[in-house]
Full PDB file with SEQRES, HELIX, SHEET, SSBOND, CRYST1, ORIGX, SCALE, CONECT and MASTER records, all heavy atoms in Angstrom:
SEQRES   1 A   39  GLY ASP LEU SER GLU ASN ALA GLU TYR ASP ALA ALA ARG          
SEQRES   2 A   39  ASP ALA GLN GLY LEU LEU GLU VAL LYS ILE ALA ARG LEU          
SEQRES   3 A   39  LYS GLU LYS VAL ALA ASN ALA ARG VAL ILE ASP GLU SER          
HELIX    1 AA1 LEU A    3  GLU A    5  5                                   3    
HELIX    2 AA2 ALA A    7  ASN A   32  1                                  26    
CRYST1    1.000    1.000    1.000  90.00  90.00  90.00 P 1           1          
ORIGX1      1.000000  0.000000  0.000000        0.00000                         
ORIGX2      0.000000  1.000000  0.000000        0.00000                         
ORIGX3      0.000000  0.000000  1.000000        0.00000                         
SCALE1      1.000000  0.000000  0.000000        0.00000                         
SCALE2      0.000000  1.000000  0.000000        0.00000                         
SCALE3      0.000000  0.000000  1.000000        0.00000                         
ATOM      1  N   GLY A   1       5.757  14.417 -20.507  1.00  0.00           N  
ATOM      2  CA  GLY A   1       7.118  14.829 -20.858  1.00  0.00           C  
ATOM      3  C   GLY A   1       8.152  14.542 -19.801  1.00  0.00           C  
ATOM      4  O   GLY A   1       8.136  13.516 -19.161  1.00  0.00           O  
ATOM      5  N   ASP A   2       9.078  15.477 -19.637  1.00  0.00           N  
ATOM      6  CA  ASP A   2      10.263  15.361 -18.795  1.00  0.00           C  
ATOM      7  C   ASP A   2       9.898  14.921 -17.367  1.00  0.00           C  
ATOM      8  O   ASP A   2       9.290  15.663 -16.605  1.00  0.00           O  
ATOM      9  CB  ASP A   2      10.993  16.711 -18.768  1.00  0.00           C  
ATOM     10  CG  ASP A   2      12.301  16.634 -17.992  1.00  0.00           C  
ATOM     11  OD1 ASP A   2      12.699  15.518 -17.607  1.00  0.00           O  
ATOM     12  OD2 ASP A   2      12.929  17.693 -17.795  1.00  0.00           O  
ATOM     13  N   LEU A   3      10.316  13.701 -17.012  1.00  0.00           N  
ATOM     14  CA  LEU A   3       9.958  13.158 -15.707  1.00  0.00           C  
ATOM     15  C   LEU A   3      10.751  13.792 -14.568  1.00  0.00           C  
ATOM     16  O   LEU A   3      10.329  13.760 -13.424  1.00  0.00           O  
ATOM     17  CB  LEU A   3      10.161  11.640 -15.689  1.00  0.00           C  
ATOM     18  CG  LEU A   3       9.290  10.830 -16.656  1.00  0.00           C  
ATOM     19  CD1 LEU A   3       9.581   9.342 -16.514  1.00  0.00           C  
ATOM     20  CD2 LEU A   3       7.823  11.105 -16.436  1.00  0.00           C  
ATOM     21  N   SER A   4      11.914  14.382 -14.883  1.00  0.00           N  
ATOM     22  CA  SER A   4      12.748  14.960 -13.828  1.00  0.00           C  
ATOM     23  C   SER A   4      12.100  16.179 -13.188  1.00  0.00           C  
ATOM     24  O   SER A   4      12.428  16.535 -12.062  1.00  0.00           O  
ATOM     25  CB  SER A   4      14.129  15.311 -14.365  1.00  0.00           C  
ATOM     26  OG  SER A   4      14.024  16.341 -15.338  1.00  0.00           O  
ATOM     27  N   GLU A   5      11.204  16.844 -13.902  1.00  0.00           N  
ATOM     28  CA  GLU A   5      10.557  18.038 -13.362  1.00  0.00           C  
ATOM     29  C   GLU A   5       9.032  17.893 -13.355  1.00  0.00           C  
ATOM     30  O   GLU A   5       8.316  18.883 -13.441  1.00  0.00           O  
ATOM     31  CB  GLU A   5      10.962  19.263 -14.183  1.00  0.00           C  
ATOM     32  CG  GLU A   5      12.436  19.582 -14.085  1.00  0.00           C  
ATOM     33  CD  GLU A   5      12.831  20.800 -14.904  1.00  0.00           C  
ATOM     34  OE1 GLU A   5      11.938  21.562 -15.295  1.00  0.00           O  
ATOM     35  OE2 GLU A   5      14.026  20.960 -15.137  1.00  0.00           O  
ATOM     36  N   ASN A   6       8.562  16.677 -13.251  1.00  0.00           N  
ATOM     37  CA  ASN A   6       7.126  16.403 -13.325  1.00  0.00           C  
ATOM     38  C   ASN A   6       6.591  16.063 -11.927  1.00  0.00           C  
ATOM     39  O   ASN A   6       6.698  14.940 -11.460  1.00  0.00           O  
ATOM     40  CB  ASN A   6       6.889  15.250 -14.313  1.00  0.00           C  
ATOM     41  CG  ASN A   6       5.426  15.050 -14.619  1.00  0.00           C  
ATOM     42  OD1 ASN A   6       4.571  15.333 -13.803  1.00  0.00           O  
ATOM     43  ND2 ASN A   6       5.146  14.523 -15.803  1.00  0.00           N  
ATOM     44  N   ALA A   7       6.015  17.051 -11.269  1.00  0.00           N  
ATOM     45  CA  ALA A   7       5.516  16.864  -9.906  1.00  0.00           C  
ATOM     46  C   ALA A   7       4.357  15.862  -9.855  1.00  0.00           C  
ATOM     47  O   ALA A   7       4.223  15.115  -8.885  1.00  0.00           O  
ATOM     48  CB  ALA A   7       5.074  18.197  -9.324  1.00  0.00           C  
ATOM     49  N   GLU A   8       3.513  15.858 -10.893  1.00  0.00           N  
ATOM     50  CA  GLU A   8       2.389  14.917 -10.929  1.00  0.00           C  
ATOM     51  C   GLU A   8       2.905  13.475 -10.928  1.00  0.00           C  
ATOM     52  O   GLU A   8       2.366  12.608 -10.249  1.00  0.00           O  
ATOM     53  CB  GLU A   8       1.525  15.137 -12.170  1.00  0.00           C  
ATOM     54  CG  GLU A   8       0.664  16.374 -12.113  1.00  0.00           C  
ATOM     55  CD  GLU A   8      -0.149  16.544 -13.388  1.00  0.00           C  
ATOM     56  OE1 GLU A   8      -0.750  15.541 -13.845  1.00  0.00           O  
ATOM     57  OE2 GLU A   8      -0.166  17.662 -13.919  1.00  0.00           O  
ATOM     58  N   TYR A   9       3.969  13.247 -11.708  1.00  0.00           N  
ATOM     59  CA  TYR A   9       4.563  11.914 -11.793  1.00  0.00           C  
ATOM     60  C   TYR A   9       5.119  11.502 -10.426  1.00  0.00           C  
ATOM     61  O   TYR A   9       4.876  10.398  -9.955  1.00  0.00           O  
ATOM     62  CB  TYR A   9       5.659  11.886 -12.854  1.00  0.00           C  
ATOM     63  CG  TYR A   9       6.365  10.563 -12.975  1.00  0.00           C  
ATOM     64  CD1 TYR A   9       5.772   9.509 -13.654  1.00  0.00           C  
ATOM     65  CD2 TYR A   9       7.621  10.365 -12.415  1.00  0.00           C  
ATOM     66  CE1 TYR A   9       6.408   8.280 -13.763  1.00  0.00           C  
ATOM     67  CE2 TYR A   9       8.268   9.142 -12.510  1.00  0.00           C  
ATOM     68  CZ  TYR A   9       7.656   8.112 -13.184  1.00  0.00           C  
ATOM     69  OH  TYR A   9       8.279   6.900 -13.288  1.00  0.00           O  
ATOM     70  N   ASP A  10       5.868  12.427  -9.801  1.00  0.00           N  
ATOM     71  CA  ASP A  10       6.446  12.132  -8.488  1.00  0.00           C  
ATOM     72  C   ASP A  10       5.352  11.830  -7.467  1.00  0.00           C  
ATOM     73  O   ASP A  10       5.477  10.896  -6.667  1.00  0.00           O  
ATOM     74  CB  ASP A  10       7.302  13.305  -7.996  1.00  0.00           C  
ATOM     75  CG  ASP A  10       8.586  13.464  -8.808  1.00  0.00           C  
ATOM     76  OD1 ASP A  10       8.982  12.497  -9.485  1.00  0.00           O  
ATOM     77  OD2 ASP A  10       9.170  14.559  -8.755  1.00  0.00           O  
ATOM     78  N   ALA A  11       4.288  12.617  -7.470  1.00  0.00           N  
ATOM     79  CA  ALA A  11       3.194  12.420  -6.524  1.00  0.00           C  
ATOM     80  C   ALA A  11       2.511  11.070  -6.756  1.00  0.00           C  
ATOM     81  O   ALA A  11       2.187  10.352  -5.800  1.00  0.00           O  
ATOM     82  CB  ALA A  11       2.177  13.548  -6.632  1.00  0.00           C  
ATOM     83  N   ALA A  12       2.300  10.714  -8.011  1.00  0.00           N  
ATOM     84  CA  ALA A  12       1.648   9.438  -8.342  1.00  0.00           C  
ATOM     85  C   ALA A  12       2.543   8.264  -7.926  1.00  0.00           C  
ATOM     86  O   ALA A  12       2.047   7.258  -7.405  1.00  0.00           O  
ATOM     87  CB  ALA A  12       1.330   9.371  -9.834  1.00  0.00           C  
ATOM     88  N   ARG A  13       3.850   8.390  -8.131  1.00  0.00           N  
ATOM     89  CA  ARG A  13       4.781   7.325  -7.733  1.00  0.00           C  
ATOM     90  C   ARG A  13       4.808   7.187  -6.204  1.00  0.00           C  
ATOM     91  O   ARG A  13       4.849   6.084  -5.677  1.00  0.00           O  
ATOM     92  CB  ARG A  13       6.199   7.605  -8.250  1.00  0.00           C  
ATOM     93  CG  ARG A  13       6.346   7.531  -9.764  1.00  0.00           C  
ATOM     94  CD  ARG A  13       6.319   6.168 -10.308  1.00  0.00           C  
ATOM     95  NE  ARG A  13       7.415   5.396  -9.757  1.00  0.00           N  
ATOM     96  CZ  ARG A  13       7.578   4.107  -9.924  1.00  0.00           C  
ATOM     97  NH1 ARG A  13       6.727   3.436 -10.658  1.00  0.00           N  
ATOM     98  NH2 ARG A  13       8.574   3.466  -9.386  1.00  0.00           N  
ATOM     99  N   ASP A  14       4.777   8.333  -5.498  1.00  0.00           N  
ATOM    100  CA  ASP A  14       4.742   8.283  -4.032  1.00  0.00           C  
ATOM    101  C   ASP A  14       3.459   7.604  -3.557  1.00  0.00           C  
ATOM    102  O   ASP A  14       3.486   6.778  -2.633  1.00  0.00           O  
ATOM    103  CB  ASP A  14       4.825   9.693  -3.443  1.00  0.00           C  
ATOM    104  CG  ASP A  14       6.205  10.313  -3.590  1.00  0.00           C  
ATOM    105  OD1 ASP A  14       7.168   9.577  -3.906  1.00  0.00           O  
ATOM    106  OD2 ASP A  14       6.322  11.539  -3.394  1.00  0.00           O  
ATOM    107  N   ALA A  15       2.341   7.955  -4.173  1.00  0.00           N  
ATOM    108  CA  ALA A  15       1.055   7.348  -3.809  1.00  0.00           C  
ATOM    109  C   ALA A  15       1.090   5.845  -4.058  1.00  0.00           C  
ATOM    110  O   ALA A  15       0.569   5.058  -3.260  1.00  0.00           O  
ATOM    111  CB  ALA A  15      -0.081   7.995  -4.587  1.00  0.00           C  
ATOM    112  N   GLN A  16       1.719   5.456  -5.163  1.00  0.00           N  
ATOM    113  CA  GLN A  16       1.825   4.030  -5.484  1.00  0.00           C  
ATOM    114  C   GLN A  16       2.647   3.307  -4.412  1.00  0.00           C  
ATOM    115  O   GLN A  16       2.274   2.225  -3.956  1.00  0.00           O  
ATOM    116  CB  GLN A  16       2.470   3.837  -6.860  1.00  0.00           C  
ATOM    117  CG  GLN A  16       2.566   2.380  -7.276  1.00  0.00           C  
ATOM    118  CD  GLN A  16       3.255   2.208  -8.610  1.00  0.00           C  
ATOM    119  OE1 GLN A  16       4.266   2.864  -8.870  1.00  0.00           O  
ATOM    120  NE2 GLN A  16       2.700   1.354  -9.452  1.00  0.00           N  
ATOM    121  N   GLY A  17       3.740   3.911  -4.005  1.00  0.00           N  
ATOM    122  CA  GLY A  17       4.584   3.302  -2.976  1.00  0.00           C  
ATOM    123  C   GLY A  17       3.836   3.129  -1.662  1.00  0.00           C  
ATOM    124  O   GLY A  17       3.904   2.069  -1.020  1.00  0.00           O  
ATOM    125  N   LEU A  18       3.102   4.168  -1.254  1.00  0.00           N  
ATOM    126  CA  LEU A  18       2.326   4.097  -0.010  1.00  0.00           C  
ATOM    127  C   LEU A  18       1.234   3.041  -0.095  1.00  0.00           C  
ATOM    128  O   LEU A  18       0.977   2.308   0.864  1.00  0.00           O  
ATOM    129  CB  LEU A  18       1.715   5.464   0.311  1.00  0.00           C  
ATOM    130  CG  LEU A  18       2.710   6.560   0.705  1.00  0.00           C  
ATOM    131  CD1 LEU A  18       2.008   7.903   0.806  1.00  0.00           C  
ATOM    132  CD2 LEU A  18       3.405   6.207   2.004  1.00  0.00           C  
ATOM    133  N   LEU A  19       0.591   2.954  -1.260  1.00  0.00           N  
ATOM    134  CA  LEU A  19      -0.466   1.967  -1.447  1.00  0.00           C  
ATOM    135  C   LEU A  19       0.101   0.550  -1.357  1.00  0.00           C  
ATOM    136  O   LEU A  19      -0.500  -0.326  -0.721  1.00  0.00           O  
ATOM    137  CB  LEU A  19      -1.156   2.169  -2.805  1.00  0.00           C  
ATOM    138  CG  LEU A  19      -2.271   1.176  -3.119  1.00  0.00           C  
ATOM    139  CD1 LEU A  19      -3.444   1.355  -2.157  1.00  0.00           C  
ATOM    140  CD2 LEU A  19      -2.747   1.341  -4.561  1.00  0.00           C  
ATOM    141  N   GLU A  20       1.260   0.322  -1.966  1.00  0.00           N  
ATOM    142  CA  GLU A  20       1.856  -1.023  -1.930  1.00  0.00           C  
ATOM    143  C   GLU A  20       2.251  -1.418  -0.509  1.00  0.00           C  
ATOM    144  O   GLU A  20       2.089  -2.571  -0.113  1.00  0.00           O  
ATOM    145  CB  GLU A  20       3.059  -1.109  -2.876  1.00  0.00           C  
ATOM    146  CG  GLU A  20       2.673  -1.036  -4.354  1.00  0.00           C  
ATOM    147  CD  GLU A  20       1.635  -2.070  -4.778  1.00  0.00           C  
ATOM    148  OE1 GLU A  20       1.683  -3.232  -4.323  1.00  0.00           O  
ATOM    149  OE2 GLU A  20       0.751  -1.727  -5.584  1.00  0.00           O  
ATOM    150  N   VAL A  21       2.727  -0.464   0.277  1.00  0.00           N  
ATOM    151  CA  VAL A  21       3.046  -0.741   1.681  1.00  0.00           C  
ATOM    152  C   VAL A  21       1.775  -1.106   2.431  1.00  0.00           C  
ATOM    153  O   VAL A  21       1.744  -2.063   3.214  1.00  0.00           O  
ATOM    154  CB  VAL A  21       3.755   0.474   2.330  1.00  0.00           C  
ATOM    155  CG1 VAL A  21       3.832   0.326   3.840  1.00  0.00           C  
ATOM    156  CG2 VAL A  21       5.144   0.657   1.740  1.00  0.00           C  
ATOM    157  N   LYS A  22       0.705  -0.344   2.196  1.00  0.00           N  
ATOM    158  CA  LYS A  22      -0.577  -0.601   2.857  1.00  0.00           C  
ATOM    159  C   LYS A  22      -1.102  -1.988   2.473  1.00  0.00           C  
ATOM    160  O   LYS A  22      -1.564  -2.743   3.339  1.00  0.00           O  
ATOM    161  CB  LYS A  22      -1.586   0.476   2.461  1.00  0.00           C  
ATOM    162  CG  LYS A  22      -2.945   0.304   3.096  1.00  0.00           C  
ATOM    163  CD  LYS A  22      -3.889   1.426   2.690  1.00  0.00           C  
ATOM    164  CE  LYS A  22      -5.250   1.273   3.338  1.00  0.00           C  
ATOM    165  NZ  LYS A  22      -6.149   2.385   2.989  1.00  0.00           N  
ATOM    166  N   ILE A  23      -1.025  -2.332   1.193  1.00  0.00           N  
ATOM    167  CA  ILE A  23      -1.501  -3.638   0.726  1.00  0.00           C  
ATOM    168  C   ILE A  23      -0.701  -4.758   1.385  1.00  0.00           C  
ATOM    169  O   ILE A  23      -1.276  -5.738   1.869  1.00  0.00           O  
ATOM    170  CB  ILE A  23      -1.433  -3.725  -0.820  1.00  0.00           C  
ATOM    171  CG1 ILE A  23      -2.531  -2.840  -1.428  1.00  0.00           C  
ATOM    172  CG2 ILE A  23      -1.565  -5.168  -1.294  1.00  0.00           C  
ATOM    173  CD1 ILE A  23      -2.420  -2.670  -2.937  1.00  0.00           C  
ATOM    174  N   ALA A  24       0.607  -4.608   1.449  1.00  0.00           N  
ATOM    175  CA  ALA A  24       1.448  -5.641   2.058  1.00  0.00           C  
ATOM    176  C   ALA A  24       1.108  -5.813   3.539  1.00  0.00           C  
ATOM    177  O   ALA A  24       1.006  -6.936   4.045  1.00  0.00           O  
ATOM    178  CB  ALA A  24       2.923  -5.276   1.896  1.00  0.00           C  
ATOM    179  N   ARG A  25       0.888  -4.687   4.237  1.00  0.00           N  
ATOM    180  CA  ARG A  25       0.550  -4.733   5.664  1.00  0.00           C  
ATOM    181  C   ARG A  25      -0.803  -5.425   5.868  1.00  0.00           C  
ATOM    182  O   ARG A  25      -0.954  -6.276   6.750  1.00  0.00           O  
ATOM    183  CB  ARG A  25       0.523  -3.312   6.223  1.00  0.00           C  
ATOM    184  CG  ARG A  25       0.204  -3.232   7.704  1.00  0.00           C  
ATOM    185  CD  ARG A  25       0.115  -1.801   8.203  1.00  0.00           C  
ATOM    186  NE  ARG A  25      -0.824  -0.964   7.469  1.00  0.00           N  
ATOM    187  CZ  ARG A  25      -2.144  -0.958   7.663  1.00  0.00           C  
ATOM    188  NH1 ARG A  25      -2.676  -1.739   8.547  1.00  0.00           N  
ATOM    189  NH2 ARG A  25      -2.920  -0.158   6.957  1.00  0.00           N  
ATOM    190  N   LEU A  26      -1.790  -5.075   5.030  1.00  0.00           N  
ATOM    191  CA  LEU A  26      -3.122  -5.680   5.159  1.00  0.00           C  
ATOM    192  C   LEU A  26      -3.097  -7.175   4.835  1.00  0.00           C  
ATOM    193  O   LEU A  26      -3.736  -7.971   5.529  1.00  0.00           O  
ATOM    194  CB  LEU A  26      -4.120  -4.952   4.260  1.00  0.00           C  
ATOM    195  CG  LEU A  26      -4.507  -3.542   4.713  1.00  0.00           C  
ATOM    196  CD1 LEU A  26      -5.283  -2.824   3.618  1.00  0.00           C  
ATOM    197  CD2 LEU A  26      -5.324  -3.601   5.997  1.00  0.00           C  
ATOM    198  N   LYS A  27      -2.342  -7.560   3.804  1.00  0.00           N  
ATOM    199  CA  LYS A  27      -2.229  -8.983   3.452  1.00  0.00           C  
ATOM    200  C   LYS A  27      -1.624  -9.774   4.609  1.00  0.00           C  
ATOM    201  O   LYS A  27      -2.078 -10.876   4.931  1.00  0.00           O  
ATOM    202  CB  LYS A  27      -1.376  -9.161   2.198  1.00  0.00           C  
ATOM    203  CG  LYS A  27      -2.102  -8.876   0.918  1.00  0.00           C  
ATOM    204  CD  LYS A  27      -1.202  -9.158  -0.280  1.00  0.00           C  
ATOM    205  CE  LYS A  27      -1.954  -8.985  -1.584  1.00  0.00           C  
ATOM    206  NZ  LYS A  27      -1.097  -9.254  -2.754  1.00  0.00           N  
ATOM    207  N   GLU A  28      -0.608  -9.196   5.241  1.00  0.00           N  
ATOM    208  CA  GLU A  28       0.034  -9.869   6.369  1.00  0.00           C  
ATOM    209  C   GLU A  28      -0.934  -9.989   7.549  1.00  0.00           C  
ATOM    210  O   GLU A  28      -1.007 -11.037   8.187  1.00  0.00           O  
ATOM    211  CB  GLU A  28       1.288  -9.091   6.786  1.00  0.00           C  
ATOM    212  CG  GLU A  28       2.123  -9.808   7.812  1.00  0.00           C  
ATOM    213  CD  GLU A  28       3.425  -9.106   8.118  1.00  0.00           C  
ATOM    214  OE1 GLU A  28       3.703  -8.030   7.568  1.00  0.00           O  
ATOM    215  OE2 GLU A  28       4.171  -9.653   8.947  1.00  0.00           O  
ATOM    216  N   LYS A  29      -1.701  -8.938   7.811  1.00  0.00           N  
ATOM    217  CA  LYS A  29      -2.672  -8.987   8.916  1.00  0.00           C  
ATOM    218  C   LYS A  29      -3.736 -10.051   8.658  1.00  0.00           C  
ATOM    219  O   LYS A  29      -4.102 -10.795   9.571  1.00  0.00           O  
ATOM    220  CB  LYS A  29      -3.345  -7.622   9.101  1.00  0.00           C  
ATOM    221  CG  LYS A  29      -2.545  -6.659   9.929  1.00  0.00           C  
ATOM    222  CD  LYS A  29      -3.349  -5.400  10.153  1.00  0.00           C  
ATOM    223  CE  LYS A  29      -3.038  -4.840  11.507  1.00  0.00           C  
ATOM    224  NZ  LYS A  29      -3.877  -3.729  11.889  1.00  0.00           N  
ATOM    225  N   VAL A  30      -4.242 -10.109   7.428  1.00  0.00           N  
ATOM    226  CA  VAL A  30      -5.263 -11.109   7.089  1.00  0.00           C  
ATOM    227  C   VAL A  30      -4.680 -12.516   7.234  1.00  0.00           C  
ATOM    228  O   VAL A  30      -5.315 -13.411   7.792  1.00  0.00           O  
ATOM    229  CB  VAL A  30      -5.821 -10.873   5.665  1.00  0.00           C  
ATOM    230  CG1 VAL A  30      -6.655 -12.055   5.200  1.00  0.00           C  
ATOM    231  CG2 VAL A  30      -6.647  -9.585   5.615  1.00  0.00           C  
ATOM    232  N   ALA A  31      -3.444 -12.702   6.768  1.00  0.00           N  
ATOM    233  CA  ALA A  31      -2.807 -14.021   6.842  1.00  0.00           C  
ATOM    234  C   ALA A  31      -2.580 -14.467   8.284  1.00  0.00           C  
ATOM    235  O   ALA A  31      -2.648 -15.661   8.590  1.00  0.00           O  
ATOM    236  CB  ALA A  31      -1.482 -14.000   6.089  1.00  0.00           C  
ATOM    237  N   ASN A  32      -2.318 -13.526   9.186  1.00  0.00           N  
ATOM    238  CA  ASN A  32      -2.023 -13.862  10.576  1.00  0.00           C  
ATOM    239  C   ASN A  32      -3.230 -13.759  11.504  1.00  0.00           C  
ATOM    240  O   ASN A  32      -3.097 -13.935  12.710  1.00  0.00           O  
ATOM    241  CB  ASN A  32      -0.891 -12.966  11.100  1.00  0.00           C  
ATOM    242  CG  ASN A  32       0.425 -13.308  10.449  1.00  0.00           C  
ATOM    243  OD1 ASN A  32       0.802 -14.463  10.380  1.00  0.00           O  
ATOM    244  ND2 ASN A  32       1.108 -12.315   9.946  1.00  0.00           N  
ATOM    245  N   ALA A  33      -4.390 -13.464  10.945  1.00  0.00           N  
ATOM    246  CA  ALA A  33      -5.600 -13.301  11.761  1.00  0.00           C  
ATOM    247  C   ALA A  33      -6.166 -14.664  12.147  1.00  0.00           C  
ATOM    248  O   ALA A  33      -6.168 -15.601  11.351  1.00  0.00           O  
ATOM    249  CB  ALA A  33      -6.649 -12.505  10.994  1.00  0.00           C  
ATOM    250  N   ARG A  34      -6.629 -14.747  13.371  1.00  0.00           N  
ATOM    251  CA  ARG A  34      -7.331 -15.930  13.841  1.00  0.00           C  
ATOM    252  C   ARG A  34      -8.651 -15.457  14.437  1.00  0.00           C  
ATOM    253  O   ARG A  34      -8.666 -14.613  15.329  1.00  0.00           O  
ATOM    254  CB  ARG A  34      -6.516 -16.676  14.896  1.00  0.00           C  
ATOM    255  CG  ARG A  34      -5.205 -17.238  14.385  1.00  0.00           C  
ATOM    256  CD  ARG A  34      -5.415 -18.310  13.316  1.00  0.00           C  
ATOM    257  NE  ARG A  34      -4.163 -18.762  12.739  1.00  0.00           N  
ATOM    258  CZ  ARG A  34      -3.617 -18.273  11.624  1.00  0.00           C  
ATOM    259  NH1 ARG A  34      -4.204 -17.301  10.970  1.00  0.00           N  
ATOM    260  NH2 ARG A  34      -2.496 -18.756  11.148  1.00  0.00           N  
ATOM    261  N   VAL A  35      -9.742 -16.029  13.943  1.00  0.00           N  
ATOM    262  CA  VAL A  35     -11.072 -15.627  14.407  1.00  0.00           C  
ATOM    263  C   VAL A  35     -11.361 -16.309  15.739  1.00  0.00           C  
ATOM    264  O   VAL A  35     -11.124 -17.504  15.911  1.00  0.00           O  
ATOM    265  CB  VAL A  35     -12.148 -15.982  13.357  1.00  0.00           C  
ATOM    266  CG1 VAL A  35     -13.539 -15.677  13.889  1.00  0.00           C  
ATOM    267  CG2 VAL A  35     -11.891 -15.217  12.069  1.00  0.00           C  
ATOM    268  N   ILE A  36     -11.867 -15.520  16.674  1.00  0.00           N  
ATOM    269  CA  ILE A  36     -12.211 -16.016  17.999  1.00  0.00           C  
ATOM    270  C   ILE A  36     -13.459 -16.898  17.892  1.00  0.00           C  
ATOM    271  O   ILE A  36     -14.461 -16.491  17.307  1.00  0.00           O  
ATOM    272  CB  ILE A  36     -12.482 -14.835  18.958  1.00  0.00           C  
ATOM    273  CG1 ILE A  36     -11.225 -13.980  19.090  1.00  0.00           C  
ATOM    274  CG2 ILE A  36     -12.960 -15.328  20.310  1.00  0.00           C  
ATOM    275  CD1 ILE A  36     -11.477 -12.613  19.682  1.00  0.00           C  
ATOM    276  N   ASP A  37     -13.387 -18.091  18.446  1.00  0.00           N  
ATOM    277  CA  ASP A  37     -14.525 -19.006  18.455  1.00  0.00           C  
ATOM    278  C   ASP A  37     -15.451 -18.601  19.603  1.00  0.00           C  
ATOM    279  O   ASP A  37     -15.203 -18.928  20.768  1.00  0.00           O  
ATOM    280  CB  ASP A  37     -14.038 -20.444  18.625  1.00  0.00           C  
ATOM    281  CG  ASP A  37     -15.174 -21.458  18.564  1.00  0.00           C  
ATOM    282  OD1 ASP A  37     -16.364 -21.047  18.538  1.00  0.00           O  
ATOM    283  OD2 ASP A  37     -14.877 -22.664  18.549  1.00  0.00           O  
ATOM    284  N   GLU A  38     -16.497 -17.872  19.261  1.00  0.00           N  
ATOM    285  CA  GLU A  38     -17.392 -17.327  20.273  1.00  0.00           C  
ATOM    286  C   GLU A  38     -18.154 -18.411  21.034  1.00  0.00           C  
ATOM    287  O   GLU A  38     -18.630 -18.176  22.140  1.00  0.00           O  
ATOM    288  CB  GLU A  38     -18.349 -16.312  19.640  1.00  0.00           C  
ATOM    289  CG  GLU A  38     -17.603 -15.092  19.113  1.00  0.00           C  
ATOM    290  CD  GLU A  38     -18.512 -14.030  18.529  1.00  0.00           C  
ATOM    291  OE1 GLU A  38     -19.563 -13.747  19.142  1.00  0.00           O  
ATOM    292  OE2 GLU A  38     -18.162 -13.482  17.475  1.00  0.00           O  
ATOM    293  N   SER A  39     -18.257 -19.616  20.473  1.00  0.00           N  
ATOM    294  CA  SER A  39     -18.985 -20.692  21.152  1.00  0.00           C  
ATOM    295  C   SER A  39     -18.216 -21.200  22.370  1.00  0.00           C  
ATOM    296  O   SER A  39     -18.778 -21.852  23.235  1.00  0.00           O  
ATOM    297  CB  SER A  39     -19.246 -21.849  20.186  1.00  0.00           C  
ATOM    298  OG  SER A  39     -18.026 -22.497  19.847  1.00  0.00           O  
TER     299      SER A  39                                                      
MASTER        0    0    0    2    0    0    0    6  298    1    0    3          
END                                                                             
């Protein structure tokens, strides 16, 4: 129902936002990673 007073909706949207930030940060780290040549 009413999204203006729906705490579950707000919490889920906040979780989604945090997850997308985490995904973007991890993608950037993977893209910029260079493996050390142990040899």
